[in-house]
C-alpha cells in the first residue's frame, strides 16, 4: 500500500505562500466528513484512518458534520 493516498500536488510542502493567495495560505487545510447518526462510528474510523495514514497528520484537520445539525443535508436523506 502506498504511504499516502493523496497526489503529490496536495501535500502541504507544495502549498507555499508564493503558490497561493495570502488569505488562502493562512487557512488550515480541512477534511469534512458528512455523516448521520447511524454512520457516526464509521465516520470516526475514517477520520482516524486519515490521520494515521497521512505523512503529515498535523497538516490538516478532520471535521465531522452531522446531518441533523444541518436541515439542508437532512433533506437529502
N, C-alpha and C. Protein backbone atom coordinates (compact mmCIF):
# COMPACT_ATOMS: atom_id res chain seq x y z
N UNK A 1 0.85 -1.19 0.00
CA UNK A 1 0.00 0.00 0.00
C UNK A 1 0.89 1.24 0.00
N UNK A 2 0.56 2.25 -0.80
CA UNK A 2 1.38 3.46 -0.82
C UNK A 2 1.35 4.17 0.52
N UNK A 3 2.36 4.97 0.73
CA UNK A 3 2.49 5.68 2.00
C UNK A 3 1.35 6.67 2.23
N UNK A 4 0.88 7.28 1.18
CA UNK A 4 -0.22 8.23 1.27
C UNK A 4 -1.13 8.06 0.06
N UNK A 5 -2.39 8.39 0.22
CA UNK A 5 -3.32 8.26 -0.89
C UNK A 5 -3.51 9.58 -1.63
N UNK A 6 -2.91 10.66 -1.15
CA UNK A 6 -3.06 11.96 -1.79
C UNK A 6 -2.01 12.14 -2.89
N UNK A 7 -2.40 12.71 -4.02
CA UNK A 7 -1.41 13.02 -5.04
C UNK A 7 -0.40 14.03 -4.50
N UNK A 8 0.77 14.01 -5.07
CA UNK A 8 1.84 14.90 -4.60
C UNK A 8 1.44 16.38 -4.64
N UNK A 9 0.56 16.77 -5.55
CA UNK A 9 0.18 18.17 -5.65
C UNK A 9 -0.60 18.65 -4.43
N UNK A 10 -1.16 17.72 -3.64
CA UNK A 10 -1.95 18.11 -2.49
C UNK A 10 -1.17 18.07 -1.18
N UNK A 11 0.09 17.68 -1.23
CA UNK A 11 0.86 17.61 0.00
C UNK A 11 1.22 19.02 0.48
N UNK A 12 1.27 19.23 1.79
CA UNK A 12 1.48 20.57 2.33
C UNK A 12 2.76 21.25 1.88
N UNK A 13 3.82 20.50 1.55
CA UNK A 13 5.06 21.17 1.16
C UNK A 13 4.91 21.90 -0.18
N UNK A 14 3.92 21.54 -0.99
CA UNK A 14 3.71 22.24 -2.25
C UNK A 14 2.83 23.47 -2.08
N UNK A 15 2.22 23.61 -0.93
CA UNK A 15 1.35 24.76 -0.67
C UNK A 15 2.15 25.84 0.03
N UNK A 16 2.72 26.70 -0.73
CA UNK A 16 3.53 27.77 -0.18
C UNK A 16 2.84 29.10 -0.44
N UNK A 17 3.19 30.14 0.32
CA UNK A 17 2.57 31.45 0.10
C UNK A 17 2.77 31.98 -1.32
N UNK A 18 3.83 31.54 -2.00
CA UNK A 18 4.04 32.02 -3.37
C UNK A 18 3.11 31.32 -4.35
N UNK A 19 2.60 30.13 -4.00
CA UNK A 19 1.72 29.42 -4.92
C UNK A 19 0.25 29.70 -4.65
N UNK A 20 -0.05 30.42 -3.58
CA UNK A 20 -1.43 30.71 -3.22
C UNK A 20 -1.55 32.17 -2.81
N UNK A 21 -2.80 32.64 -2.73
CA UNK A 21 -3.00 33.98 -2.23
C UNK A 21 -2.70 34.01 -0.75
N UNK A 22 -2.45 35.17 -0.19
CA UNK A 22 -2.09 35.28 1.22
C UNK A 22 -3.20 34.77 2.14
N UNK A 23 -4.46 35.07 1.81
CA UNK A 23 -5.55 34.63 2.68
C UNK A 23 -5.71 33.12 2.64
N UNK A 24 -5.51 32.51 1.48
CA UNK A 24 -5.62 31.06 1.38
C UNK A 24 -4.45 30.36 2.06
N UNK A 25 -3.28 30.98 2.06
CA UNK A 25 -2.11 30.37 2.68
C UNK A 25 -2.24 30.34 4.20
N UNK A 26 -3.01 31.25 4.79
CA UNK A 26 -3.16 31.31 6.24
C UNK A 26 -4.24 30.36 6.75
N UNK A 27 -5.13 29.89 5.90
CA UNK A 27 -6.20 28.99 6.33
C UNK A 27 -5.69 27.57 6.40
N UNK A 28 -6.01 26.87 7.47
CA UNK A 28 -5.55 25.48 7.58
C UNK A 28 -6.31 24.58 6.61
N UNK A 29 -5.69 23.50 6.21
CA UNK A 29 -6.35 22.52 5.36
C UNK A 29 -7.34 21.74 6.21
N UNK A 30 -8.52 21.45 5.65
CA UNK A 30 -9.55 20.73 6.40
C UNK A 30 -10.19 19.67 5.52
N UNK A 31 -10.54 18.57 6.15
CA UNK A 31 -11.29 17.49 5.50
C UNK A 31 -12.63 17.40 6.20
N UNK A 32 -13.71 17.42 5.44
CA UNK A 32 -15.05 17.33 6.00
C UNK A 32 -15.63 15.96 5.73
N UNK A 33 -16.17 15.34 6.77
CA UNK A 33 -16.85 14.05 6.63
C UNK A 33 -18.30 14.26 7.05
N UNK A 34 -19.21 14.09 6.11
CA UNK A 34 -20.64 14.25 6.39
C UNK A 34 -21.19 12.90 6.85
N UNK A 35 -21.96 12.91 7.92
CA UNK A 35 -22.47 11.65 8.45
C UNK A 35 -23.84 11.84 9.10
N UNK A 36 -24.53 10.73 9.28
CA UNK A 36 -25.77 10.75 10.06
C UNK A 36 -25.54 9.93 11.33
N UNK A 37 -26.57 9.79 12.16
CA UNK A 37 -26.39 9.10 13.44
C UNK A 37 -26.01 7.63 13.24
N UNK A 38 -26.54 7.00 12.23
CA UNK A 38 -26.30 5.57 12.02
C UNK A 38 -24.88 5.30 11.51
N UNK A 39 -24.26 6.28 10.89
CA UNK A 39 -22.91 6.09 10.33
C UNK A 39 -21.84 6.84 11.11
N UNK A 40 -22.15 7.27 12.31
CA UNK A 40 -21.23 8.08 13.12
C UNK A 40 -19.94 7.31 13.44
N UNK A 41 -20.05 6.06 13.83
CA UNK A 41 -18.86 5.27 14.16
C UNK A 41 -17.95 5.10 12.94
N UNK A 42 -18.54 4.86 11.79
CA UNK A 42 -17.76 4.75 10.56
C UNK A 42 -17.03 6.04 10.22
N UNK A 43 -17.68 7.17 10.49
CA UNK A 43 -17.04 8.47 10.24
C UNK A 43 -15.87 8.68 11.19
N UNK A 44 -16.00 8.26 12.44
CA UNK A 44 -14.89 8.37 13.39
C UNK A 44 -13.71 7.50 12.96
N UNK A 45 -14.01 6.31 12.47
CA UNK A 45 -12.95 5.41 11.99
C UNK A 45 -12.26 6.03 10.77
N UNK A 46 -13.05 6.62 9.87
CA UNK A 46 -12.47 7.27 8.68
C UNK A 46 -11.58 8.44 9.07
N UNK A 47 -12.01 9.24 10.04
CA UNK A 47 -11.19 10.37 10.50
C UNK A 47 -9.88 9.87 11.09
N UNK A 48 -9.96 8.83 11.88
CA UNK A 48 -8.74 8.26 12.47
C UNK A 48 -7.81 7.72 11.39
N UNK A 49 -8.38 7.03 10.40
CA UNK A 49 -7.57 6.47 9.32
C UNK A 49 -6.89 7.55 8.49
N UNK A 50 -7.58 8.65 8.25
CA UNK A 50 -6.96 9.76 7.51
C UNK A 50 -5.74 10.29 8.24
N UNK A 51 -5.86 10.48 9.54
CA UNK A 51 -4.73 10.99 10.32
C UNK A 51 -3.61 9.95 10.44
N UNK A 52 -3.97 8.70 10.67
CA UNK A 52 -2.98 7.63 10.86
C UNK A 52 -2.18 7.38 9.59
N UNK A 53 -2.82 7.43 8.43
CA UNK A 53 -2.15 7.10 7.18
C UNK A 53 -1.50 8.28 6.48
N UNK A 54 -1.57 9.45 7.06
CA UNK A 54 -1.00 10.65 6.44
C UNK A 54 0.48 10.79 6.81
N UNK A 55 1.25 11.31 5.88
CA UNK A 55 2.65 11.62 6.18
C UNK A 55 2.75 12.76 7.18
N UNK A 56 1.81 13.69 7.09
CA UNK A 56 1.82 14.86 7.98
C UNK A 56 0.43 15.02 8.60
N UNK A 57 0.15 14.27 9.64
CA UNK A 57 -1.20 14.34 10.24
C UNK A 57 -1.52 15.69 10.87
N UNK A 58 -0.51 16.47 11.20
CA UNK A 58 -0.76 17.79 11.79
C UNK A 58 -1.02 18.86 10.74
N UNK A 59 -0.89 18.52 9.46
CA UNK A 59 -1.05 19.50 8.39
C UNK A 59 -2.50 19.79 8.05
N UNK A 60 -3.43 18.97 8.55
CA UNK A 60 -4.84 19.19 8.23
C UNK A 60 -5.70 18.80 9.43
N UNK A 61 -6.91 19.30 9.42
CA UNK A 61 -7.89 18.97 10.45
C UNK A 61 -9.04 18.20 9.81
N UNK A 62 -9.58 17.27 10.56
CA UNK A 62 -10.73 16.50 10.10
C UNK A 62 -11.94 16.96 10.89
N UNK A 63 -12.99 17.37 10.20
CA UNK A 63 -14.21 17.84 10.85
C UNK A 63 -15.37 16.94 10.46
N UNK A 64 -16.11 16.47 11.45
CA UNK A 64 -17.29 15.65 11.21
C UNK A 64 -18.52 16.55 11.23
N UNK A 65 -19.34 16.44 10.20
CA UNK A 65 -20.55 17.24 10.09
C UNK A 65 -21.74 16.29 10.19
N UNK A 66 -22.56 16.50 11.21
CA UNK A 66 -23.74 15.66 11.38
C UNK A 66 -24.91 16.22 10.58
N UNK A 67 -25.65 15.31 9.97
CA UNK A 67 -26.78 15.71 9.13
C UNK A 67 -27.85 16.41 9.95
N UNK A 68 -28.11 15.93 11.17
CA UNK A 68 -29.21 16.51 11.95
C UNK A 68 -28.96 17.97 12.33
N UNK A 69 -27.74 18.42 12.30
CA UNK A 69 -27.43 19.81 12.61
C UNK A 69 -27.59 20.75 11.42
N UNK A 70 -27.84 20.18 10.25
CA UNK A 70 -27.95 20.97 9.03
C UNK A 70 -29.18 20.51 8.25
N UNK A 71 -30.28 21.27 8.29
CA UNK A 71 -31.53 20.85 7.65
C UNK A 71 -31.40 20.58 6.15
N UNK A 72 -30.56 21.32 5.45
CA UNK A 72 -30.43 21.10 4.02
C UNK A 72 -29.77 19.75 3.72
N UNK A 73 -28.92 19.26 4.61
CA UNK A 73 -28.36 17.92 4.44
C UNK A 73 -29.39 16.85 4.80
N UNK A 74 -30.18 17.12 5.84
CA UNK A 74 -31.20 16.17 6.27
C UNK A 74 -32.23 15.95 5.15
N UNK A 75 -32.49 16.98 4.35
CA UNK A 75 -33.46 16.87 3.26
C UNK A 75 -32.96 15.90 2.18
N UNK A 76 -31.67 15.71 2.08
CA UNK A 76 -31.10 14.79 1.09
C UNK A 76 -31.27 13.34 1.49
N UNK A 77 -31.41 13.06 2.78
CA UNK A 77 -31.53 11.68 3.25
C UNK A 77 -32.96 11.32 3.24
